[in-house]
Amino acid sequence: MIIAKKAQAAMEFLMTYGWAILIVMIAIVALAYFGVLDSADFLPERCLFPAGMDCVGYASADAMTETVKFVLQNNQGSDITIDSIVDDTSDDCGTPVLTGCAGIGCTAEALPVTVNNNQKVTLVVNCTDGLDEGRFKGEFNVRYTNENTGVQLTATGSIRSKAI
């Protein structure tokens, strides 16, 4: 009889801890599902574009000049012409269709701009509705034309930066 009571006590102990662990796991899953535990907010700055349209280094967001600046390298195997840059997340950068300038140092050269194969180009996107200080997160569609085939394509990239 004493062994049965010890077994029952052990079983109740395991069940109590089992339910407690289950409730904690459900709470963690719920927090992750609703984005409270989104680790992307804690990740470092990044600039990611698909293969062939490689982002070189990091992007920079400047709240004073209301611009986002990033460098792309054309690894398509042929020359391309960048026609436009469209912001997918208009809440971070303002108007959905963005204009910018391109070229080394981003002088007076405006879009569209032709980029030779293996050449780097600095793109500066003007955020016409303003850019707040703090974390900047945006997705940009770089629309370009392949000079060999004449086909218009889109490269979607993700940029995370700290707007200063």
Protein backbone atom coordinates (compact mmCIF):
# COMPACT_ATOMS: atom_id res chain seq x y z
CA MET A 1 0.00 0.00 0.00
CA ILE A 2 2.89 2.38 0.73
CA ILE A 3 4.38 1.70 -2.73
CA ALA A 4 1.05 2.59 -4.40
CA LYS A 5 0.87 5.90 -2.49
CA LYS A 6 4.46 6.73 -3.51
CA ALA A 7 3.65 5.90 -7.12
CA GLN A 8 0.54 8.06 -7.00
CA ALA A 9 2.51 10.95 -5.48
CA ALA A 10 5.18 10.61 -8.17
CA MET A 11 2.53 10.52 -10.89
CA GLU A 12 0.80 13.63 -9.51
CA PHE A 13 4.18 15.39 -9.33
CA LEU A 14 4.94 14.54 -12.99
CA MET A 15 1.46 15.57 -14.13
CA THR A 16 1.69 18.93 -12.37
CA TYR A 17 5.04 19.73 -13.96
CA GLY A 18 3.83 18.38 -17.31
CA TRP A 19 0.85 20.75 -17.34
CA ALA A 20 3.04 23.66 -16.27
CA ILE A 21 5.52 22.96 -19.08
CA LEU A 22 2.68 22.60 -21.60
CA ILE A 23 1.19 25.98 -20.59
CA VAL A 24 4.59 27.69 -20.85
CA MET A 25 5.15 26.17 -24.31
CA ILE A 26 1.70 27.33 -25.49
CA ALA A 27 2.47 30.86 -24.24
CA ILE A 28 5.80 30.91 -26.09
CA VAL A 29 4.18 29.70 -29.31
CA ALA A 30 1.43 32.34 -28.99
CA LEU A 31 3.99 35.12 -28.44
CA ALA A 32 6.01 33.97 -31.45
CA TYR A 33 2.88 33.71 -33.61
CA PHE A 34 1.78 37.27 -32.84
CA GLY A 35 5.26 38.67 -33.48
CA VAL A 36 6.21 39.63 -29.93
CA LEU A 37 9.25 37.37 -30.08
CA ASP A 38 10.26 38.41 -33.59
CA SER A 39 14.02 38.05 -33.61
CA ALA A 40 14.31 40.12 -36.80
CA ASP A 41 14.09 43.32 -34.73
CA PHE A 42 17.26 42.35 -32.91
CA LEU A 43 19.23 41.27 -35.96
CA PRO A 44 22.00 43.44 -37.37
CA GLU A 45 21.72 45.62 -40.45
CA ARG A 46 21.41 43.80 -43.76
CA CYS A 47 20.89 44.30 -47.44
CA LEU A 48 19.70 41.24 -49.35
CA PHE A 49 18.89 40.99 -53.05
CA PRO A 50 18.57 37.85 -55.18
CA ALA A 51 21.50 36.23 -56.95
CA GLY A 52 22.69 38.21 -59.94
CA MET A 53 21.75 41.51 -58.33
CA ASP A 54 24.05 41.46 -55.32
CA CYS A 55 23.93 44.04 -52.56
CA VAL A 56 27.46 45.14 -51.67
CA GLY A 57 27.95 46.00 -48.00
CA TYR A 58 25.13 47.49 -45.97
CA ALA A 59 22.46 50.02 -46.78
CA SER A 60 22.30 53.35 -45.01
CA ALA A 61 19.16 55.28 -44.14
CA ASP A 62 19.49 58.99 -43.46
CA ALA A 63 16.54 60.61 -41.68
CA MET A 64 17.90 64.14 -42.20
CA THR A 65 18.09 63.89 -45.99
CA GLU A 66 15.20 61.37 -46.11
CA THR A 67 17.15 58.93 -48.29
CA VAL A 68 18.05 55.26 -48.34
CA LYS A 69 21.37 54.47 -50.02
CA PHE A 70 22.62 51.06 -51.14
CA VAL A 71 25.13 49.62 -53.60
CA LEU A 72 24.18 46.90 -56.09
CA GLN A 73 26.49 44.88 -58.31
CA ASN A 74 25.23 43.56 -61.62
CA ASN A 75 26.17 39.86 -61.88
CA GLN A 76 23.52 38.99 -64.48
CA GLY A 77 26.03 38.09 -67.17
CA SER A 78 24.93 40.97 -69.38
CA ASP A 79 24.38 44.71 -69.18
CA ILE A 80 21.14 45.93 -67.59
CA THR A 81 19.26 49.20 -67.38
CA ILE A 82 17.70 50.01 -64.02
CA ASP A 83 14.37 51.65 -64.85
CA SER A 84 12.77 52.30 -61.47
CA ILE A 85 12.74 51.47 -57.78
CA VAL A 86 9.42 50.71 -56.12
CA ASP A 87 8.91 50.50 -52.36
CA ASP A 88 6.79 47.52 -51.26
CA THR A 89 6.37 48.84 -47.73
CA SER A 90 5.11 52.36 -48.29
CA ASP A 91 4.70 52.87 -44.53
CA ASP A 92 8.46 53.17 -44.03
CA CYS A 93 9.51 55.28 -46.98
CA GLY A 94 6.52 57.22 -48.17
CA THR A 95 5.06 57.10 -51.63
CA PRO A 96 4.85 53.70 -53.36
CA VAL A 97 6.79 54.77 -56.47
CA LEU A 98 10.17 56.19 -55.59
CA THR A 99 12.57 58.13 -57.74
CA GLY A 100 16.26 58.19 -57.12
CA CYS A 101 19.62 58.81 -58.63
CA ALA A 102 22.29 56.31 -59.54
CA GLY A 103 25.98 56.25 -60.19
CA ILE A 104 29.18 56.60 -58.25
CA GLY A 105 28.63 59.34 -55.69
CA CYS A 106 25.09 59.78 -57.01
CA THR A 107 25.66 63.07 -58.77
CA ALA A 108 23.20 64.34 -61.37
CA GLU A 109 22.73 60.97 -63.01
CA ALA A 110 19.08 59.95 -62.69
CA LEU A 111 17.13 56.79 -63.37
CA PRO A 112 17.11 55.01 -65.74
CA VAL A 113 20.79 54.10 -65.64
CA THR A 114 22.71 51.42 -67.55
CA VAL A 115 24.92 49.13 -65.47
CA ASN A 116 27.53 46.99 -67.21
CA ASN A 117 28.11 43.39 -66.19
CA ASN A 118 30.16 43.13 -62.93
CA GLN A 119 29.79 46.89 -62.38
CA LYS A 120 28.63 48.39 -59.08
CA VAL A 121 26.08 51.17 -58.89
CA THR A 122 25.09 53.30 -55.90
CA LEU A 123 21.34 53.83 -55.68
CA VAL A 124 19.84 56.58 -53.55
CA VAL A 125 16.10 56.41 -52.97
CA ASN A 126 14.35 59.62 -51.97
CA CYS A 127 11.67 59.04 -49.34
CA THR A 128 9.28 61.82 -50.25
CA ASP A 129 6.99 61.40 -47.22
CA GLY A 130 9.86 61.48 -44.76
CA LEU A 131 11.94 58.92 -42.94
CA ASP A 132 11.75 58.60 -39.18
CA GLU A 133 14.79 58.03 -37.00
CA GLY A 134 15.25 54.53 -35.60
CA ARG A 135 14.98 51.14 -37.25
CA PHE A 136 14.30 51.19 -40.98
CA LYS A 137 12.91 48.07 -42.62
CA GLY A 138 11.83 48.02 -46.23
CA GLU A 139 11.52 45.91 -49.32
CA PHE A 140 12.40 47.42 -52.67
CA ASN A 141 11.60 46.20 -56.17
CA VAL A 142 14.37 47.19 -58.57
CA ARG A 143 12.87 47.02 -62.06
CA TYR A 144 15.44 46.57 -64.79
CA THR A 145 15.74 45.60 -68.43
CA ASN A 146 18.22 43.01 -69.71
CA GLU A 147 20.06 44.74 -72.57
CA ASN A 148 20.74 41.47 -74.47
CA THR A 149 17.18 40.16 -74.46
CA GLY A 150 15.10 43.30 -73.87
CA VAL A 151 13.14 41.48 -71.15
CA GLN A 152 11.99 43.56 -68.19
CA LEU A 153 12.60 41.92 -64.82
CA THR A 154 12.22 42.77 -61.14
CA ALA A 155 14.64 42.03 -58.30
CA THR A 156 13.04 42.27 -54.86
CA GLY A 157 15.42 43.10 -52.04
CA SER A 158 15.13 43.48 -48.30
CA ILE A 159 16.90 46.27 -46.44
CA ARG A 160 17.29 46.73 -42.69
CA SER A 161 19.18 49.68 -41.39
CA LYS A 162 19.25 52.24 -38.61
CA ALA A 163 18.02 55.62 -39.77
CA ILE A 164 20.12 58.34 -38.18
